[in-house]
Amino acid sequence: MTKQHKLRIKGPVGAIETVIEEPVGVFANAPVGLALIAHPHPLKGGSLDNKVAWTLARAAVACGLVAVRPNFRGVGSSAGEYDHGIGETEDLLALAAAITAHYGKLPWTLMGFSFGAYVQHRVAQELHAERLIMVGPAVSMYAFEAARIPTTILHGIEDEVIPFQAAREYADLHAIPLIAIEGAGHFFHGKLRALQSQVEALCKP
């Protein structure tokens, strides 16, 4: 269960539409951290309602984290337009600063799916965060650098968009742990529960 808020938070080019979900139960009023979740490519239908992004939020709140799920520029009621990951990085950094100002200096966990993983790996270059979790990172489409913080990749073995081998090569090159999800394609059809379980295992306090 979660307590959910939908907000428009000021960013560099205008409002950033954001869903914030606070854990309830044992973590109510005492979250153990913050999770920033980035959705897939905005020009290919990606939004904060993407089912993988939603699943990452479920895993985050289950671990006692406040799940912060924004729409990228030009998506929903977020201002601006697609900026190839550059402006999107600026927006997430501004959003993280605003969330920290509200909740205090709780540790950040960064989570991103596909293009969102590319943006989050850029955010991780500047934001002090505890960990980065990249799901189906678009390593065959964008120039990913080495990770600067503890990072884990989760990738479907049957990924039809970003080949599993491309993820394996990037992970091996930079000594990043890679968790293979058996039978999963890029969008994890039928494998969301398995994905959530793996992410929860990485985030449990």
C-alpha atoms as a PDB file:
ATOM      1  CA  MET A   1       0.000   0.000   0.000  1.00  0.00           C
ATOM      2  CA  THR A   2       1.092   3.555  -0.646  1.00  0.00           C
ATOM      3  CA  LYS A   3       0.085   7.136  -0.038  1.00  0.00           C
ATOM      4  CA  GLN A   4       0.143   8.879  -3.421  1.00  0.00           C
ATOM      5  CA  HIS A   5       0.473  12.527  -4.470  1.00  0.00           C
ATOM      6  CA  LYS A   6       0.478  13.969  -7.999  1.00  0.00           C
ATOM      7  CA  LEU A   7       2.407  17.242  -8.178  1.00  0.00           C
ATOM      8  CA  ARG A   8       3.843  19.717 -10.673  1.00  0.00           C
ATOM      9  CA  ILE A   9       7.325  20.578  -9.437  1.00  0.00           C
ATOM     10  CA  LYS A  10       9.290  23.495 -10.864  1.00  0.00           C
ATOM     11  CA  GLY A  11      12.127  22.486 -13.175  1.00  0.00           C
ATOM     12  CA  PRO A  12      14.610  24.289 -15.439  1.00  0.00           C
ATOM     13  CA  VAL A  13      12.084  24.791 -18.279  1.00  0.00           C
ATOM     14  CA  GLY A  14       8.819  24.675 -16.325  1.00  0.00           C
ATOM     15  CA  ALA A  15       6.701  22.198 -14.438  1.00  0.00           C
ATOM     16  CA  ILE A  16       7.710  18.558 -14.046  1.00  0.00           C
ATOM     17  CA  GLU A  17       4.646  16.351 -13.603  1.00  0.00           C
ATOM     18  CA  THR A  18       5.527  13.946 -10.797  1.00  0.00           C
ATOM     19  CA  VAL A  19       3.846  11.154  -8.883  1.00  0.00           C
ATOM     20  CA  ILE A  20       5.184  10.686  -5.368  1.00  0.00           C
ATOM     21  CA  GLU A  21       4.277   7.553  -3.427  1.00  0.00           C
ATOM     22  CA  GLU A  22       5.041   7.237   0.262  1.00  0.00           C
ATOM     23  CA  PRO A  23       5.199   3.858   1.961  1.00  0.00           C
ATOM     24  CA  VAL A  24       2.676   3.030   4.634  1.00  0.00           C
ATOM     25  CA  GLY A  25       2.642   0.376   7.335  1.00  0.00           C
ATOM     26  CA  VAL A  26       5.914  -0.173   9.127  1.00  0.00           C
ATOM     27  CA  PHE A  27       7.602   2.591   7.090  1.00  0.00           C
ATOM     28  CA  ALA A  28       4.791   5.149   7.456  1.00  0.00           C
ATOM     29  CA  ASN A  29       6.191   8.545   8.485  1.00  0.00           C
ATOM     30  CA  ALA A  30       9.686   7.039   8.565  1.00  0.00           C
ATOM     31  CA  PRO A  31      10.874   6.217   5.031  1.00  0.00           C
ATOM     32  CA  VAL A  32      14.393   4.847   4.852  1.00  0.00           C
ATOM     33  CA  GLY A  33      15.266   6.553   1.570  1.00  0.00           C
ATOM     34  CA  LEU A  34      14.165   8.084  -1.709  1.00  0.00           C
ATOM     35  CA  ALA A  35      13.851   6.402  -5.111  1.00  0.00           C
ATOM     36  CA  LEU A  36      13.975   8.408  -8.345  1.00  0.00           C
ATOM     37  CA  ILE A  37      12.417   6.415 -11.201  1.00  0.00           C
ATOM     38  CA  ALA A  38      12.900   7.251 -14.893  1.00  0.00           C
ATOM     39  CA  HIS A  39      10.586   5.952 -17.630  1.00  0.00           C
ATOM     40  CA  PRO A  40      11.470   4.820 -21.180  1.00  0.00           C
ATOM     41  CA  HIS A  41      11.793   6.958 -24.308  1.00  0.00           C
ATOM     42  CA  PRO A  42       9.270   9.826 -24.403  1.00  0.00           C
ATOM     43  CA  LEU A  43       9.001   9.751 -28.211  1.00  0.00           C
ATOM     44  CA  LYS A  44       8.103   6.061 -28.156  1.00  0.00           C
ATOM     45  CA  GLY A  45       5.234   6.215 -25.708  1.00  0.00           C
ATOM     46  CA  GLY A  46       7.244   6.264 -22.497  1.00  0.00           C
ATOM     47  CA  SER A  47       5.634   7.919 -19.487  1.00  0.00           C
ATOM     48  CA  LEU A  48       5.469   7.653 -15.716  1.00  0.00           C
ATOM     49  CA  ASP A  49       2.580   5.205 -16.234  1.00  0.00           C
ATOM     50  CA  ASN A  50       4.820   2.706 -18.042  1.00  0.00           C
ATOM     51  CA  LYS A  51       4.322  -0.667 -16.390  1.00  0.00           C
ATOM     52  CA  VAL A  52       8.025  -1.252 -15.770  1.00  0.00           C
ATOM     53  CA  ALA A  53       8.388   2.182 -14.152  1.00  0.00           C
ATOM     54  CA  TRP A  54       5.268   1.395 -12.116  1.00  0.00           C
ATOM     55  CA  THR A  55       6.784  -1.932 -11.055  1.00  0.00           C
ATOM     56  CA  LEU A  56       9.975  -0.200  -9.936  1.00  0.00           C
ATOM     57  CA  ALA A  57       7.850   2.129  -7.807  1.00  0.00           C
ATOM     58  CA  ARG A  58       6.105  -0.880  -6.233  1.00  0.00           C
ATOM     59  CA  ALA A  59       9.475  -2.374  -5.352  1.00  0.00           C
ATOM     60  CA  ALA A  60      10.710   0.937  -3.942  1.00  0.00           C
ATOM     61  CA  VAL A  61       7.794   1.490  -1.570  1.00  0.00           C
ATOM     62  CA  ALA A  62       7.934  -2.150  -0.472  1.00  0.00           C
ATOM     63  CA  CYS A  63      11.483  -1.406   0.661  1.00  0.00           C
ATOM     64  CA  GLY A  64      10.452   1.685   2.605  1.00  0.00           C
ATOM     65  CA  LEU A  65      11.520   4.204  -0.038  1.00  0.00           C
ATOM     66  CA  VAL A  66       9.538   7.218  -1.205  1.00  0.00           C
ATOM     67  CA  ALA A  67       9.002   6.543  -4.929  1.00  0.00           C
ATOM     68  CA  VAL A  68       9.372   9.633  -7.129  1.00  0.00           C
ATOM     69  CA  ARG A  69       8.129   9.040 -10.694  1.00  0.00           C
ATOM     70  CA  PRO A  70       8.300  12.073 -13.024  1.00  0.00           C
ATOM     71  CA  ASN A  71       7.264  12.530 -16.632  1.00  0.00           C
ATOM     72  CA  PHE A  72      10.121  13.612 -18.851  1.00  0.00           C
ATOM     73  CA  ARG A  73       9.963  16.891 -20.787  1.00  0.00           C
ATOM     74  CA  GLY A  74       7.006  17.070 -23.149  1.00  0.00           C
ATOM     75  CA  VAL A  75       5.221  14.081 -21.626  1.00  0.00           C
ATOM     76  CA  GLY A  76       1.865  14.519 -19.915  1.00  0.00           C
ATOM     77  CA  SER A  77       1.814  17.947 -18.302  1.00  0.00           C
ATOM     78  CA  SER A  78       5.603  18.266 -18.034  1.00  0.00           C
ATOM     79  CA  ALA A  79       6.873  21.385 -19.785  1.00  0.00           C
ATOM     80  CA  GLY A  80       9.441  21.453 -22.571  1.00  0.00           C
ATOM     81  CA  GLU A  81      10.307  18.969 -25.295  1.00  0.00           C
ATOM     82  CA  TYR A  82      12.543  15.943 -25.780  1.00  0.00           C
ATOM     83  CA  ASP A  83      16.221  16.854 -25.328  1.00  0.00           C
ATOM     84  CA  HIS A  84      18.157  13.652 -26.065  1.00  0.00           C
ATOM     85  CA  GLY A  85      18.812  12.931 -22.383  1.00  0.00           C
ATOM     86  CA  ILE A  86      20.569  16.231 -21.661  1.00  0.00           C
ATOM     87  CA  GLY A  87      17.650  18.351 -20.490  1.00  0.00           C
ATOM     88  CA  GLU A  88      16.070  15.262 -18.977  1.00  0.00           C
ATOM     89  CA  THR A  89      19.143  14.876 -16.757  1.00  0.00           C
ATOM     90  CA  GLU A  90      18.895  18.527 -15.705  1.00  0.00           C
ATOM     91  CA  ASP A  91      15.227  18.037 -14.830  1.00  0.00           C
ATOM     92  CA  LEU A  92      15.886  14.986 -12.668  1.00  0.00           C
ATOM     93  CA  LEU A  93      18.682  16.753 -10.809  1.00  0.00           C
ATOM     94  CA  ALA A  94      16.383  19.716 -10.129  1.00  0.00           C
ATOM     95  CA  LEU A  95      13.607  17.385  -9.061  1.00  0.00           C
ATOM     96  CA  ALA A  96      15.932  15.498  -6.704  1.00  0.00           C
ATOM     97  CA  ALA A  97      16.983  18.782  -5.095  1.00  0.00           C
ATOM     98  CA  ALA A  98      13.348  19.760  -4.529  1.00  0.00           C
ATOM     99  CA  ILE A  99      12.466  16.354  -3.069  1.00  0.00           C
ATOM    100  CA  THR A 100      15.500  16.419  -0.754  1.00  0.00           C
ATOM    101  CA  ALA A 101      14.474  19.876   0.445  1.00  0.00           C
ATOM    102  CA  HIS A 102      11.098  18.440   1.441  1.00  0.00           C
ATOM    103  CA  TYR A 103      12.052  15.050   2.893  1.00  0.00           C
ATOM    104  CA  GLY A 104      15.522  15.831   4.189  1.00  0.00           C
ATOM    105  CA  LYS A 105      18.814  14.162   3.405  1.00  0.00           C
ATOM    106  CA  LEU A 106      17.584  10.609   2.960  1.00  0.00           C
ATOM    107  CA  PRO A 107      19.753   8.414   0.705  1.00  0.00           C
ATOM    108  CA  TRP A 108      18.816   8.246  -2.962  1.00  0.00           C
ATOM    109  CA  THR A 109      18.334   5.127  -5.055  1.00  0.00           C
ATOM    110  CA  LEU A 110      18.255   5.783  -8.809  1.00  0.00           C
ATOM    111  CA  MET A 111      16.167   3.493 -11.026  1.00  0.00           C
ATOM    112  CA  GLY A 112      15.712   3.740 -14.771  1.00  0.00           C
ATOM    113  CA  PHE A 113      14.247   1.652 -17.568  1.00  0.00           C
ATOM    114  CA  SER A 114      15.632   1.643 -21.134  1.00  0.00           C
ATOM    115  CA  PHE A 115      16.207   5.317 -22.139  1.00  0.00           C
ATOM    116  CA  GLY A 116      15.433   6.152 -18.510  1.00  0.00           C
ATOM    117  CA  ALA A 117      18.452   4.079 -17.481  1.00  0.00           C
ATOM    118  CA  TYR A 118      20.610   6.188 -19.801  1.00  0.00           C
ATOM    119  CA  VAL A 119      19.340   9.370 -18.155  1.00  0.00           C
ATOM    120  CA  GLN A 120      19.855   7.949 -14.664  1.00  0.00           C
ATOM    121  CA  HIS A 121      23.426   6.900 -15.397  1.00  0.00           C
ATOM    122  CA  ARG A 122      24.007  10.576 -16.309  1.00  0.00           C
ATOM    123  CA  VAL A 123      22.251  11.741 -13.125  1.00  0.00           C
ATOM    124  CA  ALA A 124      24.532   9.433 -11.140  1.00  0.00           C
ATOM    125  CA  GLN A 125      27.538  11.409 -12.368  1.00  0.00           C
ATOM    126  CA  GLU A 126      26.339  14.420 -10.341  1.00  0.00           C
ATOM    127  CA  LEU A 127      23.865  13.333  -7.677  1.00  0.00           C
ATOM    128  CA  HIS A 128      25.176  11.684  -4.542  1.00  0.00           C
ATOM    129  CA  ALA A 129      23.204   8.442  -4.498  1.00  0.00           C
ATOM    130  CA  GLU A 130      23.495   5.115  -2.733  1.00  0.00           C
ATOM    131  CA  ARG A 131      22.872   2.905  -5.759  1.00  0.00           C
ATOM    132  CA  LEU A 132      21.824   2.823  -9.407  1.00  0.00           C
ATOM    133  CA  ILE A 133      19.519   0.129 -10.770  1.00  0.00           C
ATOM    134  CA  MET A 134      19.290  -0.001 -14.564  1.00  0.00           C
ATOM    135  CA  VAL A 135      16.575  -2.142 -16.136  1.00  0.00           C
ATOM    136  CA  GLY A 136      16.952  -3.008 -19.808  1.00  0.00           C
ATOM    137  CA  PRO A 137      19.454  -0.155 -20.270  1.00  0.00           C
ATOM    138  CA  ALA A 138      19.635   1.093 -23.850  1.00  0.00           C
ATOM    139  CA  VAL A 139      23.372   0.450 -24.110  1.00  0.00           C
ATOM    140  CA  SER A 140      23.188  -0.344 -27.842  1.00  0.00           C
ATOM    141  CA  MET A 141      21.522   3.026 -28.592  1.00  0.00           C
ATOM    142  CA  TYR A 142      23.344   5.524 -26.347  1.00  0.00           C
ATOM    143  CA  ALA A 143      26.884   6.101 -25.124  1.00  0.00           C
ATOM    144  CA  PHE A 144      26.932   4.803 -21.569  1.00  0.00           C
ATOM    145  CA  GLU A 145      29.954   5.636 -19.453  1.00  0.00           C
ATOM    146  CA  ALA A 146      31.411   3.722 -16.534  1.00  0.00           C
ATOM    147  CA  ALA A 147      29.316   3.718 -13.369  1.00  0.00           C
ATOM    148  CA  ARG A 148      30.434   6.049 -10.574  1.00  0.00           C
ATOM    149  CA  ILE A 149      28.236   4.540  -7.863  1.00  0.00           C
ATOM    150  CA  PRO A 150      27.301   0.939  -6.992  1.00  0.00           C
ATOM    151  CA  THR A 151      25.278  -0.231  -9.985  1.00  0.00           C
ATOM    152  CA  THR A 152      23.256  -3.284 -10.952  1.00  0.00           C
ATOM    153  CA  ILE A 153      21.731  -4.144 -14.329  1.00  0.00           C
ATOM    154  CA  LEU A 154      18.607  -6.260 -14.761  1.00  0.00           C
ATOM    155  CA  HIS A 155      18.025  -7.404 -18.331  1.00  0.00           C
ATOM    156  CA  GLY A 156      15.677  -9.801 -20.078  1.00  0.00           C
ATOM    157  CA  ILE A 157      17.442 -12.646 -21.830  1.00  0.00           C
ATOM    158  CA  GLU A 158      14.906 -12.449 -24.669  1.00  0.00           C
ATOM    159  CA  ASP A 159      15.132  -8.643 -25.035  1.00  0.00           C
ATOM    160  CA  GLU A 160      14.146  -7.841 -28.616  1.00  0.00           C
ATOM    161  CA  VAL A 161      15.078  -4.125 -28.447  1.00  0.00           C
ATOM    162  CA  ILE A 162      18.377  -4.048 -26.555  1.00  0.00           C
ATOM    163  CA  PRO A 163      20.151  -7.382 -27.103  1.00  0.00           C
ATOM    164  CA  PHE A 164      21.105  -9.195 -23.922  1.00  0.00           C
ATOM    165  CA  GLN A 165      24.621  -9.627 -25.285  1.00  0.00           C
ATOM    166  CA  ALA A 166      25.019  -5.846 -25.552  1.00  0.00           C
ATOM    167  CA  ALA A 167      24.080  -5.509 -21.893  1.00  0.00           C
ATOM    168  CA  ARG A 168      26.455  -8.335 -21.007  1.00  0.00           C
ATOM    169  CA  GLU A 169      29.357  -6.702 -22.838  1.00  0.00           C
ATOM    170  CA  TYR A 170      28.763  -3.330 -21.171  1.00  0.00           C
ATOM    171  CA  ALA A 171      28.429  -4.963 -17.747  1.00  0.00           C
ATOM    172  CA  ASP A 172      31.596  -6.992 -18.228  1.00  0.00           C
ATOM    173  CA  LEU A 173      33.551  -3.971 -19.474  1.00  0.00           C
ATOM    174  CA  HIS A 174      32.729  -1.975 -16.351  1.00  0.00           C
ATOM    175  CA  ALA A 175      32.503  -4.824 -13.804  1.00  0.00           C
ATOM    176  CA  ILE A 176      28.799  -4.215 -13.159  1.00  0.00           C
ATOM    177  CA  PRO A 177      26.685  -7.054 -11.742  1.00  0.00           C
ATOM    178  CA  LEU A 178      24.106  -8.241 -14.297  1.00  0.00           C
ATOM    179  CA  ILE A 179      20.953 -10.090 -13.275  1.00  0.00           C
ATOM    180  CA  ALA A 180      19.417 -12.011 -16.166  1.00  0.00           C
ATOM    181  CA  ILE A 181      15.628 -12.363 -16.159  1.00  0.00           C
ATOM    182  CA  GLU A 182      14.771 -15.678 -17.811  1.00  0.00           C
ATOM    183  CA  GLY A 183      12.188 -15.520 -20.588  1.00  0.00           C
ATOM    184  CA  ALA A 184      11.813 -11.741 -20.389  1.00  0.00           C
ATOM    185  CA  GLY A 185      11.649  -9.425 -23.378  1.00  0.00           C
ATOM    186  CA  HIS A 186      12.340  -5.709 -23.277  1.00  0.00           C
ATOM    187  CA  PHE A 187       9.023  -4.806 -21.686  1.00  0.00           C
ATOM    188  CA  PHE A 188       8.999  -7.771 -19.275  1.00  0.00           C
ATOM    189  CA  HIS A 189       5.586  -9.050 -20.392  1.00  0.00           C
ATOM    190  CA  GLY A 190       4.605 -11.726 -17.891  1.00  0.00           C
ATOM    191  CA  LYS A 191       7.807 -11.156 -15.926  1.00  0.00           C
ATOM    192  CA  LEU A 192       7.018  -8.038 -13.906  1.00  0.00           C
ATOM    193  CA  ARG A 193       6.606  -9.978 -10.672  1.00  0.00           C
ATOM    194  CA  ALA A 194      10.029 -11.554 -11.147  1.00  0.00           C
ATOM    195  CA  LEU A 195      11.504  -8.141 -11.891  1.00  0.00           C
ATOM    196  CA  GLN A 196       9.916  -6.616  -8.797  1.00  0.00           C
ATOM    197  CA  SER A 197      11.239  -9.406  -6.582  1.00  0.00           C
ATOM    198  CA  GLN A 198      14.777  -8.908  -7.867  1.00  0.00           C
ATOM    199  CA  VAL A 199      14.638  -5.146  -7.326  1.00  0.00           C
ATOM    200  CA  GLU A 200      13.233  -5.562  -3.828  1.00  0.00           C
ATOM    201  CA  ALA A 201      16.124  -7.892  -3.009  1.00  0.00           C
ATOM    202  CA  LEU A 202      18.542  -5.138  -4.052  1.00  0.00           C
ATOM    203  CA  CYS A 203      16.805  -2.428  -2.028  1.00  0.00           C
ATOM    204  CA  LYS A 204      15.755  -4.114   1.194  1.00  0.00           C
ATOM    205  CA  PRO A 205      17.235  -2.285   4.203  1.00  0.00           C
END
